[in-house]
Amino acid sequence: MNDNQNDDDKLKEEIEKLIKEQTSPKNISFQMGFLLHKRFGMHILLTLMTNLLVAAIIIGLSRITVSFVEVYSFEAFFIAITLYTFIEIPIKLLSLKYMFKYIVRSFGFIFFIYNVAIFFVVSLMVNDFDFLIDPLNVVFFTIAFTVLRSILNVYIRKSRFIQGV
């Protein structure tokens, strides 16, 4: 009888541990798509690589059709996108922590506004990264950037190789 009770206690502890692990804010953020990886360092690295790749694709495609952004050197491109990434991550995390209800109500539109503002500020900070004359270029670039990055993020999150499953 005592062994049965010990087994039940162990089972209850395991179940409580799994429930606690599944409902942690980190795991919920990963499941909802706000994090690319469960380890935060890996998330930062994946976000930086994704942003560099997506920005390069958007800038390359926009040169063929309508130019949204003018990049005069590779260094300016790398600095601008890296700066964008390291400004975006803390703003997104703080927003998720303190404004989650409003983000859900706006269907994430708040993040789009943040991204437009961050790209505009980065273009002011980096001399050789410019959105030309039309202010709508920042908006068009951000729309293309967000759509392509969302598609790529889905593939990253589903990749068993990247997630280490």
C-alpha atoms as a PDB file:
ATOM      1  CA  MET A   1       0.000   0.000   0.000  1.00  0.00           C
ATOM      2  CA  ASN A   2       2.843   2.367   0.855  1.00  0.00           C
ATOM      3  CA  ASP A   3       4.530   1.750  -2.516  1.00  0.00           C
ATOM      4  CA  ASN A   4       1.302   2.648  -4.308  1.00  0.00           C
ATOM      5  CA  GLN A   5       1.087   5.940  -2.425  1.00  0.00           C
ATOM      6  CA  ASN A   6       4.764   6.732  -3.199  1.00  0.00           C
ATOM      7  CA  ASP A   7       4.147   6.012  -6.869  1.00  0.00           C
ATOM      8  CA  ASP A   8       1.067   8.247  -6.818  1.00  0.00           C
ATOM      9  CA  ASP A   9       3.025  11.048  -5.146  1.00  0.00           C
ATOM     10  CA  LYS A  10       5.829  10.760  -7.688  1.00  0.00           C
ATOM     11  CA  LEU A  11       3.308  10.768 -10.518  1.00  0.00           C
ATOM     12  CA  LYS A  12       1.583  13.856  -9.099  1.00  0.00           C
ATOM     13  CA  GLU A  13       4.940  15.630  -8.794  1.00  0.00           C
ATOM     14  CA  GLU A  14       5.808  14.774 -12.404  1.00  0.00           C
ATOM     15  CA  ILE A  15       2.427  16.015 -13.637  1.00  0.00           C
ATOM     16  CA  GLU A  16       2.768  19.266 -11.650  1.00  0.00           C
ATOM     17  CA  LYS A  17       6.293  19.729 -13.031  1.00  0.00           C
ATOM     18  CA  LEU A  18       5.090  19.233 -16.630  1.00  0.00           C
ATOM     19  CA  ILE A  19       2.157  21.617 -16.139  1.00  0.00           C
ATOM     20  CA  LYS A  20       4.452  24.233 -14.629  1.00  0.00           C
ATOM     21  CA  GLU A  21       6.915  23.796 -17.530  1.00  0.00           C
ATOM     22  CA  GLN A  22       4.184  24.062 -20.180  1.00  0.00           C
ATOM     23  CA  THR A  23       2.614  27.181 -18.659  1.00  0.00           C
ATOM     24  CA  SER A  24       5.833  29.114 -18.147  1.00  0.00           C
ATOM     25  CA  PRO A  25       5.902  32.509 -19.927  1.00  0.00           C
ATOM     26  CA  LYS A  26       8.936  31.437 -21.944  1.00  0.00           C
ATOM     27  CA  ASN A  27       7.173  28.352 -23.310  1.00  0.00           C
ATOM     28  CA  ILE A  28       3.954  30.255 -24.019  1.00  0.00           C
ATOM     29  CA  SER A  29       5.936  32.896 -25.938  1.00  0.00           C
ATOM     30  CA  PHE A  30       7.608  30.138 -27.963  1.00  0.00           C
ATOM     31  CA  GLN A  31       4.304  28.395 -28.679  1.00  0.00           C
ATOM     32  CA  MET A  32       2.637  31.653 -29.760  1.00  0.00           C
ATOM     33  CA  GLY A  33       5.486  32.411 -32.156  1.00  0.00           C
ATOM     34  CA  PHE A  34       7.127  35.332 -30.381  1.00  0.00           C
ATOM     35  CA  LEU A  35      10.347  33.386 -29.804  1.00  0.00           C
ATOM     36  CA  LEU A  36      12.165  31.372 -32.461  1.00  0.00           C
ATOM     37  CA  HIS A  37      13.946  29.084 -30.020  1.00  0.00           C
ATOM     38  CA  LYS A  38      13.476  28.087 -26.387  1.00  0.00           C
ATOM     39  CA  ARG A  39      17.016  29.223 -25.530  1.00  0.00           C
ATOM     40  CA  PHE A  40      17.141  33.011 -25.631  1.00  0.00           C
ATOM     41  CA  GLY A  41      20.705  33.245 -26.970  1.00  0.00           C
ATOM     42  CA  MET A  42      19.754  31.020 -29.876  1.00  0.00           C
ATOM     43  CA  HIS A  43      16.640  33.158 -30.423  1.00  0.00           C
ATOM     44  CA  ILE A  44      18.773  36.303 -30.742  1.00  0.00           C
ATOM     45  CA  LEU A  45      21.141  34.613 -33.194  1.00  0.00           C
ATOM     46  CA  LEU A  46      18.287  33.206 -35.298  1.00  0.00           C
ATOM     47  CA  THR A  47      16.519  36.574 -35.302  1.00  0.00           C
ATOM     48  CA  LEU A  48      19.661  38.378 -36.447  1.00  0.00           C
ATOM     49  CA  MET A  49      20.321  35.873 -39.232  1.00  0.00           C
ATOM     50  CA  THR A  50      16.671  35.944 -40.321  1.00  0.00           C
ATOM     51  CA  ASN A  51      16.582  39.740 -40.363  1.00  0.00           C
ATOM     52  CA  LEU A  52      19.818  39.957 -42.378  1.00  0.00           C
ATOM     53  CA  LEU A  53      18.553  37.419 -44.910  1.00  0.00           C
ATOM     54  CA  VAL A  54      15.079  38.951 -45.262  1.00  0.00           C
ATOM     55  CA  ALA A  55      16.411  42.517 -45.538  1.00  0.00           C
ATOM     56  CA  ALA A  56      18.920  41.431 -48.204  1.00  0.00           C
ATOM     57  CA  ILE A  57      16.154  39.742 -50.199  1.00  0.00           C
ATOM     58  CA  ILE A  58      13.797  42.730 -49.928  1.00  0.00           C
ATOM     59  CA  ILE A  59      16.520  45.238 -50.868  1.00  0.00           C
ATOM     60  CA  GLY A  60      17.649  43.070 -53.774  1.00  0.00           C
ATOM     61  CA  LEU A  61      14.127  42.606 -55.109  1.00  0.00           C
ATOM     62  CA  SER A  62      13.281  46.266 -54.650  1.00  0.00           C
ATOM     63  CA  ARG A  63      16.232  47.283 -56.805  1.00  0.00           C
ATOM     64  CA  ILE A  64      14.723  45.319 -59.690  1.00  0.00           C
ATOM     65  CA  THR A  65      11.258  46.871 -59.329  1.00  0.00           C
ATOM     66  CA  VAL A  66      10.756  49.986 -57.208  1.00  0.00           C
ATOM     67  CA  SER A  67      13.565  51.049 -54.907  1.00  0.00           C
ATOM     68  CA  PHE A  68      12.434  51.497 -51.286  1.00  0.00           C
ATOM     69  CA  VAL A  69      15.798  51.829 -49.667  1.00  0.00           C
ATOM     70  CA  GLU A  70      19.260  52.852 -50.753  1.00  0.00           C
ATOM     71  CA  VAL A  71      22.218  51.093 -49.162  1.00  0.00           C
ATOM     72  CA  TYR A  72      25.606  52.494 -50.121  1.00  0.00           C
ATOM     73  CA  SER A  73      27.857  49.877 -48.483  1.00  0.00           C
ATOM     74  CA  PHE A  74      27.748  46.390 -47.051  1.00  0.00           C
ATOM     75  CA  GLU A  75      28.938  47.709 -43.687  1.00  0.00           C
ATOM     76  CA  ALA A  76      26.014  50.144 -43.516  1.00  0.00           C
ATOM     77  CA  PHE A  77      23.578  47.317 -44.323  1.00  0.00           C
ATOM     78  CA  PHE A  78      25.051  45.041 -41.657  1.00  0.00           C
ATOM     79  CA  ILE A  79      25.150  47.785 -39.013  1.00  0.00           C
ATOM     80  CA  ALA A  80      21.610  48.954 -39.793  1.00  0.00           C
ATOM     81  CA  ILE A  81      20.012  45.501 -39.632  1.00  0.00           C
ATOM     82  CA  THR A  82      22.015  44.520 -36.548  1.00  0.00           C
ATOM     83  CA  LEU A  83      20.995  47.751 -34.860  1.00  0.00           C
ATOM     84  CA  TYR A  84      17.378  47.156 -35.871  1.00  0.00           C
ATOM     85  CA  THR A  85      17.511  43.642 -34.387  1.00  0.00           C
ATOM     86  CA  PHE A  86      19.004  44.744 -31.077  1.00  0.00           C
ATOM     87  CA  ILE A  87      16.453  47.548 -30.736  1.00  0.00           C
ATOM     88  CA  GLU A  88      13.521  45.355 -31.750  1.00  0.00           C
ATOM     89  CA  ILE A  89      14.129  42.451 -29.362  1.00  0.00           C
ATOM     90  CA  PRO A  90      13.920  44.367 -26.044  1.00  0.00           C
ATOM     91  CA  ILE A  91      10.998  46.481 -27.261  1.00  0.00           C
ATOM     92  CA  LYS A  92       9.109  43.345 -28.306  1.00  0.00           C
ATOM     93  CA  LEU A  93       9.827  41.573 -25.010  1.00  0.00           C
ATOM     94  CA  LEU A  94       8.830  44.574 -22.887  1.00  0.00           C
ATOM     95  CA  SER A  95       5.685  45.016 -24.953  1.00  0.00           C
ATOM     96  CA  LEU A  96       4.765  41.366 -24.499  1.00  0.00           C
ATOM     97  CA  LYS A  97       5.315  41.630 -20.774  1.00  0.00           C
ATOM     98  CA  TYR A  98       3.422  44.864 -20.116  1.00  0.00           C
ATOM     99  CA  MET A  99       1.016  45.275 -23.056  1.00  0.00           C
ATOM    100  CA  PHE A 100       0.054  41.705 -23.979  1.00  0.00           C
ATOM    101  CA  LYS A 101      -3.684  42.410 -23.809  1.00  0.00           C
ATOM    102  CA  TYR A 102      -3.386  45.363 -26.201  1.00  0.00           C
ATOM    103  CA  ILE A 103      -1.179  43.421 -28.606  1.00  0.00           C
ATOM    104  CA  VAL A 104      -3.763  40.640 -28.801  1.00  0.00           C
ATOM    105  CA  ARG A 105      -6.593  43.145 -29.259  1.00  0.00           C
ATOM    106  CA  SER A 106      -4.740  44.903 -32.087  1.00  0.00           C
ATOM    107  CA  PHE A 107      -3.823  41.564 -33.727  1.00  0.00           C
ATOM    108  CA  GLY A 108      -0.147  42.526 -33.520  1.00  0.00           C
ATOM    109  CA  PHE A 109      -0.538  45.817 -35.369  1.00  0.00           C
ATOM    110  CA  ILE A 110       1.379  47.471 -32.528  1.00  0.00           C
ATOM    111  CA  PHE A 111       4.451  45.488 -33.617  1.00  0.00           C
ATOM    112  CA  PHE A 112       4.062  46.836 -37.143  1.00  0.00           C
ATOM    113  CA  ILE A 113       4.026  50.405 -35.823  1.00  0.00           C
ATOM    114  CA  TYR A 114       7.100  49.622 -33.721  1.00  0.00           C
ATOM    115  CA  ASN A 115       8.883  48.201 -36.753  1.00  0.00           C
ATOM    116  CA  VAL A 116       8.151  51.265 -38.886  1.00  0.00           C
ATOM    117  CA  ALA A 117       9.429  53.535 -36.125  1.00  0.00           C
ATOM    118  CA  ILE A 118      12.544  51.426 -35.539  1.00  0.00           C
ATOM    119  CA  PHE A 119      13.429  51.313 -39.248  1.00  0.00           C
ATOM    120  CA  PHE A 120      12.966  55.065 -39.474  1.00  0.00           C
ATOM    121  CA  VAL A 121      15.199  55.676 -36.437  1.00  0.00           C
ATOM    122  CA  VAL A 122      17.846  53.271 -37.767  1.00  0.00           C
ATOM    123  CA  SER A 123      17.845  55.069 -41.116  1.00  0.00           C
ATOM    124  CA  LEU A 124      18.536  58.303 -39.245  1.00  0.00           C
ATOM    125  CA  MET A 125      21.333  56.700 -37.207  1.00  0.00           C
ATOM    126  CA  VAL A 126      23.174  54.964 -40.079  1.00  0.00           C
ATOM    127  CA  ASN A 127      24.309  57.425 -42.763  1.00  0.00           C
ATOM    128  CA  ASP A 128      24.543  55.021 -45.715  1.00  0.00           C
ATOM    129  CA  PHE A 129      21.151  53.376 -45.095  1.00  0.00           C
ATOM    130  CA  ASP A 130      18.442  55.655 -46.466  1.00  0.00           C
ATOM    131  CA  PHE A 131      14.757  55.317 -47.345  1.00  0.00           C
ATOM    132  CA  LEU A 132      15.067  57.936 -50.088  1.00  0.00           C
ATOM    133  CA  ILE A 133      12.661  60.874 -50.238  1.00  0.00           C
ATOM    134  CA  ASP A 134       9.193  59.341 -49.890  1.00  0.00           C
ATOM    135  CA  PRO A 135       8.221  58.604 -46.261  1.00  0.00           C
ATOM    136  CA  LEU A 136       5.957  55.775 -47.435  1.00  0.00           C
ATOM    137  CA  ASN A 137       9.071  53.837 -48.461  1.00  0.00           C
ATOM    138  CA  VAL A 138       9.598  52.948 -44.791  1.00  0.00           C
ATOM    139  CA  VAL A 139       6.045  51.601 -44.598  1.00  0.00           C
ATOM    140  CA  PHE A 140       6.322  49.578 -47.840  1.00  0.00           C
ATOM    141  CA  PHE A 141       9.698  48.176 -46.818  1.00  0.00           C
ATOM    142  CA  THR A 142       8.328  47.237 -43.383  1.00  0.00           C
ATOM    143  CA  ILE A 143       5.293  45.508 -44.898  1.00  0.00           C
ATOM    144  CA  ALA A 144       7.466  43.435 -47.243  1.00  0.00           C
ATOM    145  CA  PHE A 145       9.976  42.765 -44.464  1.00  0.00           C
ATOM    146  CA  THR A 146       7.288  41.646 -42.001  1.00  0.00           C
ATOM    147  CA  VAL A 147       5.513  39.352 -44.458  1.00  0.00           C
ATOM    148  CA  LEU A 148       8.694  37.631 -45.651  1.00  0.00           C
ATOM    149  CA  ARG A 149      10.087  37.351 -42.116  1.00  0.00           C
ATOM    150  CA  SER A 150       6.826  35.804 -40.878  1.00  0.00           C
ATOM    151  CA  ILE A 151       6.976  33.163 -43.596  1.00  0.00           C
ATOM    152  CA  LEU A 152      10.615  32.387 -42.803  1.00  0.00           C
ATOM    153  CA  ASN A 153       9.904  32.286 -39.048  1.00  0.00           C
ATOM    154  CA  VAL A 154       7.264  29.595 -39.568  1.00  0.00           C
ATOM    155  CA  TYR A 155       9.844  27.406 -41.301  1.00  0.00           C
ATOM    156  CA  ILE A 156      12.433  28.062 -38.573  1.00  0.00           C
ATOM    157  CA  ARG A 157      10.005  27.186 -35.789  1.00  0.00           C
ATOM    158  CA  LYS A 158       8.950  23.959 -37.545  1.00  0.00           C
ATOM    159  CA  SER A 159      12.504  22.861 -38.330  1.00  0.00           C
ATOM    160  CA  ARG A 160      13.469  19.910 -36.162  1.00  0.00           C
ATOM    161  CA  PHE A 161      17.153  20.510 -36.942  1.00  0.00           C
ATOM    162  CA  ILE A 162      17.138  24.109 -35.717  1.00  0.00           C
ATOM    163  CA  GLN A 163      14.977  23.374 -32.668  1.00  0.00           C
ATOM    164  CA  GLY A 164      17.152  20.419 -31.682  1.00  0.00           C
ATOM    165  CA  VAL A 165      14.276  17.964 -31.402  1.00  0.00           C
END
